PDB file of N, CA and C in Angstrom:
ATOM      1  N   GLY A   1       0.789  -1.193   0.000  1.00  0.00           N
ATOM      2  CA  GLY A   1       0.000   0.000   0.000  1.00  0.00           C
ATOM      3  C   GLY A   1       0.832   1.258   0.000  1.00  0.00           C
ATOM      4  N   MET A   2       2.121   1.126   0.204  1.00  0.00           N
ATOM      5  CA  MET A   2       2.985   2.310   0.274  1.00  0.00           C
ATOM      6  C   MET A   2       3.918   2.388  -0.934  1.00  0.00           C
ATOM      7  N   GLU A   3       3.556   1.708  -2.024  1.00  0.00           N
ATOM      8  CA  GLU A   3       4.422   1.708  -3.198  1.00  0.00           C
ATOM      9  C   GLU A   3       4.596   3.124  -3.721  1.00  0.00           C
ATOM     10  N   GLY A   4       5.837   3.483  -3.979  1.00  0.00           N
ATOM     11  CA  GLY A   4       6.150   4.814  -4.478  1.00  0.00           C
ATOM     12  C   GLY A   4       6.325   5.846  -3.375  1.00  0.00           C
ATOM     13  N   CYS A   5       6.035   5.488  -2.166  1.00  0.00           N
ATOM     14  CA  CYS A   5       6.171   6.386  -1.013  1.00  0.00           C
ATOM     15  C   CYS A   5       7.575   6.208  -0.437  1.00  0.00           C
ATOM     16  N   PRO A   6       8.302   7.300  -0.173  1.00  0.00           N
ATOM     17  CA  PRO A   6       9.638   7.151   0.424  1.00  0.00           C
ATOM     18  C   PRO A   6       9.575   6.391   1.753  1.00  0.00           C
ATOM     19  N   ALA A   7      10.655   5.692   2.074  1.00  0.00           N
ATOM     20  CA  ALA A   7      10.691   4.814   3.244  1.00  0.00           C
ATOM     21  C   ALA A   7      10.396   5.569   4.536  1.00  0.00           C
ATOM     22  N   LEU A   8      10.990   6.738   4.716  1.00  0.00           N
ATOM     23  CA  LEU A   8      10.765   7.488   5.949  1.00  0.00           C
ATOM     24  C   LEU A   8       9.307   7.925   6.067  1.00  0.00           C
ATOM     25  N   ASP A   9       8.731   8.392   4.962  1.00  0.00           N
ATOM     26  CA  ASP A   9       7.325   8.790   4.981  1.00  0.00           C
ATOM     27  C   ASP A   9       6.415   7.603   5.299  1.00  0.00           C
ATOM     28  N   ALA A  10       6.699   6.446   4.693  1.00  0.00           N
ATOM     29  CA  ALA A  10       5.902   5.246   4.952  1.00  0.00           C
ATOM     30  C   ALA A  10       6.000   4.840   6.416  1.00  0.00           C
ATOM     31  N   THR A  11       7.204   4.972   6.990  1.00  0.00           N
ATOM     32  CA  THR A  11       7.396   4.642   8.401  1.00  0.00           C
ATOM     33  C   THR A  11       6.578   5.561   9.287  1.00  0.00           C
ATOM     34  N   LEU A  12       6.637   6.861   9.016  1.00  0.00           N
ATOM     35  CA  LEU A  12       5.881   7.827   9.826  1.00  0.00           C
ATOM     36  C   LEU A  12       4.379   7.603   9.701  1.00  0.00           C
ATOM     37  N   ILE A  13       3.915   7.252   8.506  1.00  0.00           N
ATOM     38  CA  ILE A  13       2.488   6.964   8.314  1.00  0.00           C
ATOM     39  C   ILE A  13       2.087   5.730   9.125  1.00  0.00           C
ATOM     40  N   ARG A  14       2.895   4.684   9.075  1.00  0.00           N
ATOM     41  CA  ARG A  14       2.577   3.453   9.806  1.00  0.00           C
ATOM     42  C   ARG A  14       2.567   3.681  11.313  1.00  0.00           C
ATOM     43  N   ILE A  15       3.607   4.333  11.820  1.00  0.00           N
ATOM     44  CA  ILE A  15       3.697   4.558  13.269  1.00  0.00           C
ATOM     45  C   ILE A  15       2.635   5.557  13.722  1.00  0.00           C
ATOM     46  N   GLY A  16       2.410   6.595  12.929  1.00  0.00           N
ATOM     47  CA  GLY A  16       1.390   7.585  13.291  1.00  0.00           C
ATOM     48  C   GLY A  16      -0.002   6.988  13.337  1.00  0.00           C
ATOM     49  N   SER A  17      -0.350   6.182  12.333  1.00  0.00           N
ATOM     50  CA  SER A  17      -1.689   5.580  12.331  1.00  0.00           C
ATOM     51  C   SER A  17      -1.825   4.557  13.448  1.00  0.00           C
ATOM     52  N   ALA A  18      -0.761   3.815  13.739  1.00  0.00           N
ATOM     53  CA  ALA A  18      -0.815   2.865  14.857  1.00  0.00           C
ATOM     54  C   ALA A  18      -0.980   3.597  16.185  1.00  0.00           C
ATOM     55  N   THR A  19      -0.298   4.717  16.342  1.00  0.00           N
ATOM     56  CA  THR A  19      -0.417   5.511  17.567  1.00  0.00           C
ATOM     57  C   THR A  19      -1.841   6.016  17.748  1.00  0.00           C
ATOM     58  N   ILE A  20      -2.431   6.514  16.679  1.00  0.00           N
ATOM     59  CA  ILE A  20      -3.811   7.007  16.744  1.00  0.00           C
ATOM     60  C   ILE A  20      -4.761   5.871  17.121  1.00  0.00           C
ATOM     61  N   LEU A  21      -4.584   4.704  16.514  1.00  0.00           N
ATOM     62  CA  LEU A  21      -5.452   3.565  16.836  1.00  0.00           C
ATOM     63  C   LEU A  21      -5.291   3.125  18.291  1.00  0.00           C
ATOM     64  N   ILE A  22      -4.068   3.129  18.792  1.00  0.00           N
ATOM     65  CA  ILE A  22      -3.844   2.753  20.193  1.00  0.00           C
ATOM     66  C   ILE A  22      -4.508   3.757  21.127  1.00  0.00           C
ATOM     67  N   ILE A  23      -4.371   5.044  20.823  1.00  0.00           N
ATOM     68  CA  ILE A  23      -5.005   6.076  21.654  1.00  0.00           C
ATOM     69  C   ILE A  23      -6.517   5.903  21.643  1.00  0.00           C
ATOM     70  N   LEU A  24      -7.083   5.676  20.458  1.00  0.00           N
ATOM     71  CA  LEU A  24      -8.534   5.464  20.374  1.00  0.00           C
ATOM     72  C   LEU A  24      -8.972   4.228  21.148  1.00  0.00           C
ATOM     73  N   TRP A  25      -8.167   3.165  21.076  1.00  0.00           N
ATOM     74  CA  TRP A  25      -8.500   1.945  21.808  1.00  0.00           C
ATOM     75  C   TRP A  25      -8.511   2.200  23.309  1.00  0.00           C
ATOM     76  N   PHE A  26      -7.489   2.895  23.825  1.00  0.00           N
ATOM     77  CA  PHE A  26      -7.445   3.162  25.255  1.00  0.00           C
ATOM     78  C   PHE A  26      -8.517   4.174  25.675  1.00  0.00           C
ATOM     79  N   LEU A  27      -8.904   5.073  24.786  1.00  0.00           N
ATOM     80  CA  LEU A  27     -10.044   5.953  25.074  1.00  0.00           C
ATOM     81  C   LEU A  27     -11.313   5.117  25.218  1.00  0.00           C
ATOM     82  N   TYR A  28     -11.507   4.185  24.291  1.00  0.00           N
ATOM     83  CA  TYR A  28     -12.669   3.309  24.332  1.00  0.00           C
ATOM     84  C   TYR A  28     -12.685   2.478  25.618  1.00  0.00           C
ATOM     85  N   GLN A  29     -11.520   2.006  26.035  1.00  0.00           N
ATOM     86  CA  GLN A  29     -11.402   1.211  27.254  1.00  0.00           C
ATOM     87  C   GLN A  29     -11.428   2.069  28.524  1.00  0.00           C
ATOM     88  N   ARG A  30     -11.437   3.376  28.360  1.00  0.00           N
ATOM     89  CA  ARG A  30     -11.413   4.340  29.471  1.00  0.00           C
ATOM     90  C   ARG A  30     -10.172   4.154  30.355  1.00  0.00           C
ATOM     91  N   LYS A  31      -9.030   3.915  29.683  1.00  0.00           N
ATOM     92  CA  LYS A  31      -7.779   3.716  30.406  1.00  0.00           C
ATOM     93  C   LYS A  31      -6.673   4.642  29.912  1.00  0.00           C
ATOM     94  N   LEU A  32      -7.036   5.648  29.115  1.00  0.00           N
ATOM     95  CA  LEU A  32      -6.021   6.526  28.543  1.00  0.00           C
ATOM     96  C   LEU A  32      -5.296   7.335  29.610  1.00  0.00           C
ATOM     97  N   ALA A  33      -6.026   7.861  30.593  1.00  0.00           N
ATOM     98  CA  ALA A  33      -5.397   8.662  31.654  1.00  0.00           C
ATOM     99  C   ALA A  33      -4.411   7.813  32.450  1.00  0.00           C
ATOM    100  N   GLU A  34      -4.812   6.593  32.785  1.00  0.00           N
ATOM    101  CA  GLU A  34      -3.934   5.683  33.528  1.00  0.00           C
ATOM    102  C   GLU A  34      -2.678   5.347  32.720  1.00  0.00           C
ATOM    103  N   LEU A  35      -2.859   5.051  31.439  1.00  0.00           N
ATOM    104  CA  LEU A  35      -1.734   4.723  30.574  1.00  0.00           C
ATOM    105  C   LEU A  35      -0.789   5.917  30.439  1.00  0.00           C
ATOM    106  N   THR A  36      -1.349   7.095  30.219  1.00  0.00           N
ATOM    107  CA  THR A  36      -0.533   8.295  30.067  1.00  0.00           C
ATOM    108  C   THR A  36       0.282   8.561  31.326  1.00  0.00           C
ATOM    109  N   LYS A  37      -0.339   8.406  32.476  1.00  0.00           N
ATOM    110  CA  LYS A  37       0.361   8.623  33.739  1.00  0.00           C
ATOM    111  C   LYS A  37       1.520   7.634  33.888  1.00  0.00           C
ATOM    112  N   ARG A  38       1.291   6.396  33.536  1.00  0.00           N
ATOM    113  CA  ARG A  38       2.338   5.379  33.660  1.00  0.00           C
ATOM    114  C   ARG A  38       3.471   5.615  32.665  1.00  0.00           C
ATOM    115  N   ILE A  39       3.139   6.000  31.437  1.00  0.00           N
ATOM    116  CA  ILE A  39       4.157   6.199  30.408  1.00  0.00           C
ATOM    117  C   ILE A  39       5.005   7.433  30.690  1.00  0.00           C
ATOM    118  N   LEU A  40       4.398   8.496  31.215  1.00  0.00           N
ATOM    119  CA  LEU A  40       5.122   9.747  31.425  1.00  0.00           C
ATOM    120  C   LEU A  40       5.978   9.763  32.688  1.00  0.00           C
ATOM    121  N   ASP A  41       6.064   8.655  33.381  1.00  0.00           N
ATOM    122  CA  ASP A  41       6.967   8.527  34.518  1.00  0.00           C
ATOM    123  C   ASP A  41       8.402   8.666  33.995  1.00  0.00           C
ATOM    124  N   PRO A  42       9.184   9.623  34.514  1.00  0.00           N
ATOM    125  CA  PRO A  42      10.537   9.865  33.982  1.00  0.00           C
ATOM    126  C   PRO A  42      11.429   8.624  33.960  1.00  0.00           C
ATOM    127  N   LYS A  43      11.307   7.755  34.935  1.00  0.00           N
ATOM    128  CA  LYS A  43      12.123   6.532  34.948  1.00  0.00           C
ATOM    129  C   LYS A  43      11.756   5.622  33.777  1.00  0.00           C
ATOM    130  N   LYS A  44      10.476   5.544  33.480  1.00  0.00           N
ATOM    131  CA  LYS A  44      10.032   4.682  32.382  1.00  0.00           C
ATOM    132  C   LYS A  44      10.337   5.318  31.032  1.00  0.00           C
ATOM    133  N   LEU A  45      10.268   6.657  30.956  1.00  0.00           N
ATOM    134  CA  LEU A  45      10.565   7.334  29.695  1.00  0.00           C
ATOM    135  C   LEU A  45      12.005   7.082  29.258  1.00  0.00           C
ATOM    136  N   LYS A  46      12.915   6.946  30.222  1.00  0.00           N
ATOM    137  CA  LYS A  46      14.312   6.672  29.890  1.00  0.00           C
ATOM    138  C   LYS A  46      14.457   5.326  29.190  1.00  0.00           C
ATOM    139  N   LEU A  47      13.544   4.419  29.425  1.00  0.00           N
ATOM    140  CA  LEU A  47      13.559   3.112  28.768  1.00  0.00           C
ATOM    141  C   LEU A  47      12.696   3.098  27.499  1.00  0.00           C
ATOM    142  N   ILE A  48      11.559   3.772  27.565  1.00  0.00           N
ATOM    143  CA  ILE A  48      10.605   3.732  26.457  1.00  0.00           C
ATOM    144  C   ILE A  48      11.137   4.457  25.222  1.00  0.00           C
ATOM    145  N   ILE A  49      11.715   5.635  25.404  1.00  0.00           N
ATOM    146  CA  ILE A  49      12.147   6.437  24.252  1.00  0.00           C
ATOM    147  C   ILE A  49      13.224   5.728  23.430  1.00  0.00           C
ATOM    148  N   PRO A  50      14.322   5.248  24.047  1.00  0.00           N
ATOM    149  CA  PRO A  50      15.311   4.546  23.206  1.00  0.00           C
ATOM    150  C   PRO A  50      14.767   3.254  22.594  1.00  0.00           C
ATOM    151  N   ALA A  51      13.960   2.524  23.352  1.00  0.00           N
ATOM    152  CA  ALA A  51      13.404   1.271  22.818  1.00  0.00           C
ATOM    153  C   ALA A  51      12.499   1.549  21.627  1.00  0.00           C
ATOM    154  N   THR A  52      11.708   2.593  21.726  1.00  0.00           N
ATOM    155  CA  THR A  52      10.813   2.952  20.626  1.00  0.00           C
ATOM    156  C   THR A  52      11.599   3.450  19.428  1.00  0.00           C
ATOM    157  N   ALA A  53      12.579   4.308  19.686  1.00  0.00           N
ATOM    158  CA  ALA A  53      13.363   4.880  18.588  1.00  0.00           C
ATOM    159  C   ALA A  53      14.176   3.814  17.867  1.00  0.00           C
ATOM    160  N   ILE A  54      14.845   2.974  18.623  1.00  0.00           N
ATOM    161  CA  ILE A  54      15.738   1.987  18.004  1.00  0.00           C
ATOM    162  C   ILE A  54      14.957   0.755  17.551  1.00  0.00           C
ATOM    163  N   GLY A  55      14.132   0.226  18.412  1.00  0.00           N
ATOM    164  CA  GLY A  55      13.442  -1.019  18.090  1.00  0.00           C
ATOM    165  C   GLY A  55      12.321  -0.853  17.097  1.00  0.00           C
ATOM    166  N   THR A  56      11.405   0.019  17.397  1.00  0.00           N
ATOM    167  CA  THR A  56      10.213   0.147  16.560  1.00  0.00           C
ATOM    168  C   THR A  56      10.462   1.032  15.348  1.00  0.00           C
ATOM    169  N   TRP A  57      10.801   2.281  15.595  1.00  0.00           N
ATOM    170  CA  TRP A  57      10.908   3.244  14.497  1.00  0.00           C
ATOM    171  C   TRP A  57      12.006   2.859  13.511  1.00  0.00           C
ATOM    172  N   MET A  58      13.216   2.607  14.010  1.00  0.00           N
ATOM    173  CA  MET A  58      14.307   2.257  13.088  1.00  0.00           C
ATOM    174  C   MET A  58      14.081   0.899  12.436  1.00  0.00           C
ATOM    175  N   GLY A  59      13.475  -0.037  13.175  1.00  0.00           N
ATOM    176  CA  GLY A  59      13.198  -1.346  12.588  1.00  0.00           C
ATOM    177  C   GLY A  59      12.249  -1.249  11.408  1.00  0.00           C
ATOM    178  N   ILE A  60      11.170  -0.496  11.594  1.00  0.00           N
ATOM    179  CA  ILE A  60      10.211  -0.324  10.495  1.00  0.00           C
ATOM    180  C   ILE A  60      10.853   0.446   9.353  1.00  0.00           C
ATOM    181  N   TRP A  61      11.608   1.489   9.675  1.00  0.00           N
ATOM    182  CA  TRP A  61      12.253   2.299   8.641  1.00  0.00           C
ATOM    183  C   TRP A  61      13.241   1.460   7.831  1.00  0.00           C
ATOM    184  N   MET A  62      14.054   0.665   8.514  1.00  0.00           N
ATOM    185  CA  MET A  62      15.024  -0.174   7.801  1.00  0.00           C
ATOM    186  C   MET A  62      14.317  -1.218   6.934  1.00  0.00           C
ATOM    187  N   SER A  63      13.214  -1.763   7.415  1.00  0.00           N
ATOM    188  CA  SER A  63      12.489  -2.728   6.581  1.00  0.00           C
ATOM    189  C   SER A  63      11.897  -2.039   5.357  1.00  0.00           C
ATOM    190  N   GLN A  64      11.410  -0.810   5.535  1.00  0.00           N
ATOM    191  CA  GLN A  64      10.890  -0.058   4.390  1.00  0.00           C
ATOM    192  C   GLN A  64      12.000   0.253   3.391  1.00  0.00           C
ATOM    193  N   LEU A  65      13.182   0.607   3.907  1.00  0.00           N
ATOM    194  CA  LEU A  65      14.324   0.849   3.021  1.00  0.00           C
ATOM    195  C   LEU A  65      14.686  -0.412   2.249  1.00  0.00           C
ATOM    196  N   ALA A  66      14.638  -1.552   2.928  1.00  0.00           N
ATOM    197  CA  ALA A  66      14.962  -2.813   2.262  1.00  0.00           C
ATOM    198  C   ALA A  66      13.985  -3.095   1.129  1.00  0.00           C
ATOM    199  N   TYR A  67      12.713  -2.819   1.351  1.00  0.00           N
ATOM    200  CA  TYR A  67      11.713  -3.042   0.309  1.00  0.00           C
ATOM    201  C   TYR A  67      11.867  -2.040  -0.826  1.00  0.00           C
ATOM    202  N   GLU A  68      12.219  -0.803  -0.456  1.00  0.00           N
ATOM    203  CA  GLU A  68      12.314   0.275  -1.441  1.00  0.00           C
ATOM    204  C   GLU A  68      13.510   0.092  -2.361  1.00  0.00           C
ATOM    205  N   LYS A  69      14.600  -0.370  -1.819  1.00  0.00           N
ATOM    206  CA  LYS A  69      15.829  -0.517  -2.606  1.00  0.00           C
ATOM    207  C   LYS A  69      15.801  -1.834  -3.369  1.00  0.00           C
ATOM    208  N   THR A  70      16.940  -2.290  -3.790  1.00  0.00           N
ATOM    209  CA  THR A  70      17.001  -3.477  -4.647  1.00  0.00           C
ATOM    210  C   THR A  70      16.930  -4.796  -3.898  1.00  0.00           C
ATOM    211  N   THR A  71      16.796  -4.750  -2.575  1.00  0.00           N
ATOM    212  CA  THR A  71      16.734  -5.991  -1.805  1.00  0.00           C
ATOM    213  C   THR A  71      15.496  -6.794  -2.190  1.00  0.00           C
ATOM    214  N   ASN A  72      15.690  -8.076  -2.349  1.00  0.00           N
ATOM    215  CA  ASN A  72      14.581  -8.971  -2.618  1.00  0.00           C
ATOM    216  C   ASN A  72      13.668  -8.991  -1.382  1.00  0.00           C
ATOM    217  N   ILE A  73      12.391  -8.900  -1.573  1.00  0.00           N
ATOM    218  CA  ILE A  73      11.454  -8.868  -0.451  1.00  0.00           C
ATOM    219  C   ILE A  73      11.578 -10.128   0.396  1.00  0.00           C
ATOM    220  N   ALA A  74      11.817 -11.273  -0.227  1.00  0.00           N
ATOM    221  CA  ALA A  74      11.959 -12.515   0.540  1.00  0.00           C
ATOM    222  C   ALA A  74      13.149 -12.435   1.484  1.00  0.00           C
ATOM    223  N   VAL A  75      14.243 -11.852   1.023  1.00  0.00           N
ATOM    224  CA  VAL A  75      15.430 -11.713   1.869  1.00  0.00           C
ATOM    225  C   VAL A  75      15.148 -10.752   3.018  1.00  0.00           C
ATOM    226  N   ALA A  76      14.542  -9.618   2.715  1.00  0.00           N
ATOM    227  CA  ALA A  76      14.220  -8.639   3.762  1.00  0.00           C
ATOM    228  C   ALA A  76      13.274  -9.235   4.795  1.00  0.00           C
ATOM    229  N   GLN A  77      12.264  -9.957   4.356  1.00  0.00           N
ATOM    230  CA  GLN A  77      11.309 -10.565   5.279  1.00  0.00           C
ATOM    231  C   GLN A  77      11.968 -11.658   6.111  1.00  0.00           C
ATOM    232  N   THR A  78      12.890 -12.375   5.522  1.00  0.00           N
ATOM    233  CA  THR A  78      13.615 -13.409   6.251  1.00  0.00           C
ATOM    234  C   THR A  78      14.397 -12.802   7.399  1.00  0.00           C
ATOM    235  N   VAL A  79      15.088 -11.717   7.124  1.00  0.00           N
ATOM    236  CA  VAL A  79      15.861 -11.048   8.168  1.00  0.00           C
ATOM    237  C   VAL A  79      14.943 -10.559   9.282  1.00  0.00           C
ATOM    238  N   LEU A  80      13.792  -9.999   8.934  1.00  0.00           N
ATOM    239  CA  LEU A  80      12.845  -9.525   9.943  1.00  0.00           C
ATOM    240  C   LEU A  80      12.276 -10.672  10.771  1.00  0.00           C
ATOM    241  N   ALA A  81      12.039 -11.797  10.132  1.00  0.00           N
ATOM    242  CA  ALA A  81      11.407 -12.924  10.822  1.00  0.00           C
ATOM    243  C   ALA A  81      12.365 -13.674  11.740  1.00  0.00           C
ATOM    244  N   THR A  82      13.644 -13.393  11.652  1.00  0.00           N
ATOM    245  CA  THR A  82      14.602 -14.104  12.501  1.00  0.00           C
ATOM    246  C   THR A  82      14.760 -13.478  13.880  1.00  0.00           C
ATOM    247  N   SER A  83      14.081 -12.395  14.171  1.00  0.00           N
ATOM    248  CA  SER A  83      14.258 -11.726  15.466  1.00  0.00           C
ATOM    249  C   SER A  83      13.988 -12.630  16.674  1.00  0.00           C
ATOM    250  N   PRO A  84      12.987 -13.514  16.659  1.00  0.00           N
ATOM    251  CA  PRO A  84      12.812 -14.386  17.831  1.00  0.00           C
ATOM    252  C   PRO A  84      14.004 -15.302  18.085  1.00  0.00           C
ATOM    253  N   ILE A  85      14.708 -15.673  17.022  1.00  0.00           N
ATOM    254  CA  ILE A  85      15.871 -16.540  17.192  1.00  0.00           C
ATOM    255  C   ILE A  85      16.915 -15.844  18.070  1.00  0.00           C
ATOM    256  N   PHE A  86      17.020 -14.535  17.934  1.00  0.00           N
ATOM    257  CA  PHE A  86      17.988 -13.772  18.719  1.00  0.00           C
ATOM    258  C   PHE A  86      17.395 -13.294  20.039  1.00  0.00           C
ATOM    259  N   ALA A  87      16.108 -13.001  20.055  1.00  0.00           N
ATOM    260  CA  ALA A  87      15.481 -12.436  21.254  1.00  0.00           C
ATOM    261  C   ALA A  87      15.391 -13.449  22.395  1.00  0.00           C
ATOM    262  N   ILE A  88      15.092 -14.685  22.093  1.00  0.00           N
ATOM    263  CA  ILE A  88      14.947 -15.694  23.150  1.00  0.00           C
ATOM    264  C   ILE A  88      16.252 -15.912  23.909  1.00  0.00           C
ATOM    265  N   PRO A  89      17.384 -16.136  23.232  1.00  0.00           N
ATOM    266  CA  PRO A  89      18.628 -16.273  23.998  1.00  0.00           C
ATOM    267  C   PRO A  89      19.035 -14.992  24.730  1.00  0.00           C
ATOM    268  N   MET A  90      18.798 -13.824  24.110  1.00  0.00           N
ATOM    269  CA  MET A  90      19.136 -12.563  24.775  1.00  0.00           C
ATOM    270  C   MET A  90      18.316 -12.381  26.039  1.00  0.00           C
ATOM    271  N   ALA A  91      17.053 -12.726  26.000  1.00  0.00           N
ATOM    272  CA  ALA A  91      16.197 -12.598  27.182  1.00  0.00           C
ATOM    273  C   ALA A  91      16.703 -13.507  28.298  1.00  0.00           C
ATOM    274  N   TYR A  92      17.196 -14.670  27.925  1.00  0.00           N
ATOM    275  CA  TYR A  92      17.707 -15.590  28.946  1.00  0.00           C
ATOM    276  C   TYR A  92      19.021 -15.076  29.526  1.00  0.00           C
ATOM    277  N   PHE A  93      19.960 -14.731  28.671  1.00  0.00           N
ATOM    278  CA  PHE A  93      21.281 -14.337  29.159  1.00  0.00           C
ATOM    279  C   PHE A  93      21.290 -12.963  29.829  1.00  0.00           C
ATOM    280  N   CYS A  94      20.443 -12.053  29.380  1.00  0.00           N
ATOM    281  CA  CYS A  94      20.416 -10.710  29.975  1.00  0.00           C
ATOM    282  C   CYS A  94      19.519 -10.631  31.207  1.00  0.00           C
ATOM    283  N   PHE A  95      18.374 -11.313  31.174  1.00  0.00           N
ATOM    284  CA  PHE A  95      17.380 -11.161  32.234  1.00  0.00           C
ATOM    285  C   PHE A  95      17.037 -12.464  32.949  1.00  0.00           C
ATOM    286  N   ARG A  96      17.688 -13.547  32.551  1.00  0.00           N
ATOM    287  CA  ARG A  96      17.393 -14.874  33.122  1.00  0.00           C
ATOM    288  C   ARG A  96      15.929 -15.268  32.936  1.00  0.00           C
ATOM    289  N   HIS A  97      15.336 -14.791  31.845  1.00  0.00           N
ATOM    290  CA  HIS A  97      13.952 -15.106  31.522  1.00  0.00           C
ATOM    291  C   HIS A  97      13.922 -16.375  30.671  1.00  0.00           C
ATOM    292  N   ARG A  98      13.277 -17.397  31.185  1.00  0.00           N
ATOM    293  CA  ARG A  98      13.188 -18.655  30.446  1.00  0.00           C
ATOM    294  C   ARG A  98      12.065 -18.587  29.415  1.00  0.00           C
ATOM    295  N   ALA A  99      12.346 -19.085  28.242  1.00  0.00           N
ATOM    296  CA  ALA A  99      11.359 -19.097  27.169  1.00  0.00           C
ATOM    297  C   ALA A  99      10.250 -20.086  27.497  1.00  0.00           C
ATOM    298  N   THR A 100       9.039 -19.707  27.190  1.00  0.00           N
ATOM    299  CA  THR A 100       7.912 -20.619  27.381  1.00  0.00           C
ATOM    300  C   THR A 100       7.838 -21.563  26.187  1.00  0.00           C
ATOM    301  N   VAL A 101       7.107 -22.640  26.365  1.00  0.00           N
ATOM    302  CA  VAL A 101       6.912 -23.591  25.279  1.00  0.00           C
ATOM    303  C   VAL A 101       6.238 -22.887  24.106  1.00  0.00           C
ATOM    304  N   LEU A 102       5.278 -22.019  24.400  1.00  0.00           N
ATOM    305  CA  LEU A 102       4.562 -21.305  23.342  1.00  0.00           C
ATOM    306  C   LEU A 102       5.507 -20.412  22.528  1.00  0.00           C
ATOM    307  N   SER A 103       6.455 -19.737  23.194  1.00  0.00           N
ATOM    308  CA  SER A 103       7.378 -18.878  22.455  1.00  0.00           C
ATOM    309  C   SER A 103       8.319 -19.697  21.579  1.00  0.00           C
ATOM    310  N   VAL A 104       8.726 -20.854  22.053  1.00  0.00           N
ATOM    311  CA  VAL A 104       9.586 -21.725  21.241  1.00  0.00           C
ATOM    312  C   VAL A 104       8.809 -22.271  20.047  1.00  0.00           C
ATOM    313  N   ILE A 105       7.559 -22.646  20.265  1.00  0.00           N
ATOM    314  CA  ILE A 105       6.715 -23.125  19.165  1.00  0.00           C
ATOM    315  C   ILE A 105       6.511 -22.006  18.144  1.00  0.00           C
ATOM    316  N   GLY A 106       6.241 -20.796  18.621  1.00  0.00           N
ATOM    317  CA  GLY A 106       6.074 -19.652  17.722  1.00  0.00           C
ATOM    318  C   GLY A 106       7.323 -19.374  16.904  1.00  0.00           C
ATOM    319  N   THR A 107       8.483 -19.492  17.536  1.00  0.00           N
ATOM    320  CA  THR A 107       9.746 -19.310  16.827  1.00  0.00           C
ATOM    321  C   THR A 107       9.921 -20.392  15.769  1.00  0.00           C
ATOM    322  N   ALA A 108       9.599 -21.622  16.118  1.00  0.00           N
ATOM    323  CA  ALA A 108       9.711 -22.723  15.146  1.00  0.00           C
ATOM    324  C   ALA A 108       8.776 -22.498  13.955  1.00  0.00           C
ATOM    325  N   ILE A 109       7.575 -22.015  14.220  1.00  0.00           N
ATOM    326  CA  ILE A 109       6.635 -21.713  13.131  1.00  0.00           C
ATOM    327  C   ILE A 109       7.194 -20.596  12.252  1.00  0.00           C
ATOM    328  N   GLY A 110       7.792 -19.585  12.893  1.00  0.00           N
ATOM    329  CA  GLY A 110       8.405 -18.493  12.134  1.00  0.00           C
ATOM    330  C   GLY A 110       9.538 -18.974  11.245  1.00  0.00           C
ATOM    331  N   ILE A 111      10.373 -19.852  11.778  1.00  0.00           N
ATOM    332  CA  ILE A 111      11.478 -20.400  10.995  1.00  0.00           C
ATOM    333  C   ILE A 111      10.937 -21.240   9.838  1.00  0.00           C
ATOM    334  N   ALA A 112       9.897 -22.010  10.100  1.00  0.00           N
ATOM    335  CA  ALA A 112       9.275 -22.796   9.022  1.00  0.00           C
ATOM    336  C   ALA A 112       8.704 -21.858   7.959  1.00  0.00           C
ATOM    337  N   GLY A 113       8.117 -20.757   8.402  1.00  0.00           N
ATOM    338  CA  GLY A 113       7.595 -19.771   7.451  1.00  0.00           C
ATOM    339  C   GLY A 113       8.697 -19.184   6.582  1.00  0.00           C
ATOM    340  N   ILE A 114       9.845 -18.904   7.197  1.00  0.00           N
ATOM    341  CA  ILE A 114      10.988 -18.396   6.436  1.00  0.00           C
ATOM    342  C   ILE A 114      11.384 -19.412   5.363  1.00  0.00           C
ATOM    343  N   TYR A 115      11.441 -20.655   5.772  1.00  0.00           N
ATOM    344  CA  TYR A 115      11.806 -21.728   4.840  1.00  0.00           C
ATOM    345  C   TYR A 115      10.867 -21.737   3.638  1.00  0.00           C
ATOM    346  N   PHE A 116       9.564 -21.670   3.894  1.00  0.00           N
ATOM    347  CA  PHE A 116       8.601 -21.734   2.795  1.00  0.00           C
ATOM    348  C   PHE A 116       8.630 -20.493   1.925  1.00  0.00           C
ATOM    349  N   VAL A 117       8.955 -19.337   2.510  1.00  0.00           N
ATOM    350  CA  VAL A 117       9.013 -18.094   1.724  1.00  0.00           C
ATOM    351  C   VAL A 117      10.183 -18.127   0.760  1.00  0.00           C
ATOM    352  N   VAL A 118      11.322 -18.613   1.205  1.00  0.00           N
ATOM    353  CA  VAL A 118      12.509 -18.553   0.365  1.00  0.00           C
ATOM    354  C   VAL A 118      12.700 -19.783  -0.515  1.00  0.00           C
ATOM    355  N   GLN A 119      11.873 -20.823  -0.348  1.00  0.00           N
ATOM    356  CA  GLN A 119      11.965 -22.003  -1.199  1.00  0.00           C
ATOM    357  C   GLN A 119      11.471 -21.669  -2.610  1.00  0.00           C
ATOM    358  N   LYS A 120      12.121 -22.278  -3.567  1.00  0.00           N
ATOM    359  CA  LYS A 120      11.695 -22.045  -4.953  1.00  0.00           C
ATOM    360  C   LYS A 120      11.113 -23.295  -5.544  1.00  0.00           C
TER     361      LYS A 120
END
């Protein structure tokens, strides 16, 4: 749906529309004030801002750049789909968080999906 749209513009449109939908959802749930209070806590903002900028915004922007340039979409999607492979061990080694059976199954399904996307 963003064909011909520059990568940065497509990223801003995606994140902006998602933000609006989230705000509307929390308004509907009557939890917007509570959410805003929790998010605007200075201690949490120190974590939220870099995570959002690096993880969400740059991740979407880089994927849009990959699609926009000469990268094959299958290759770009493969790289994006491999994040659970790296996230599960990082969560364990950094936070001692053990992966659930469901997360391992989801990762296996993702890897199988990668296989089917890149098979010819």
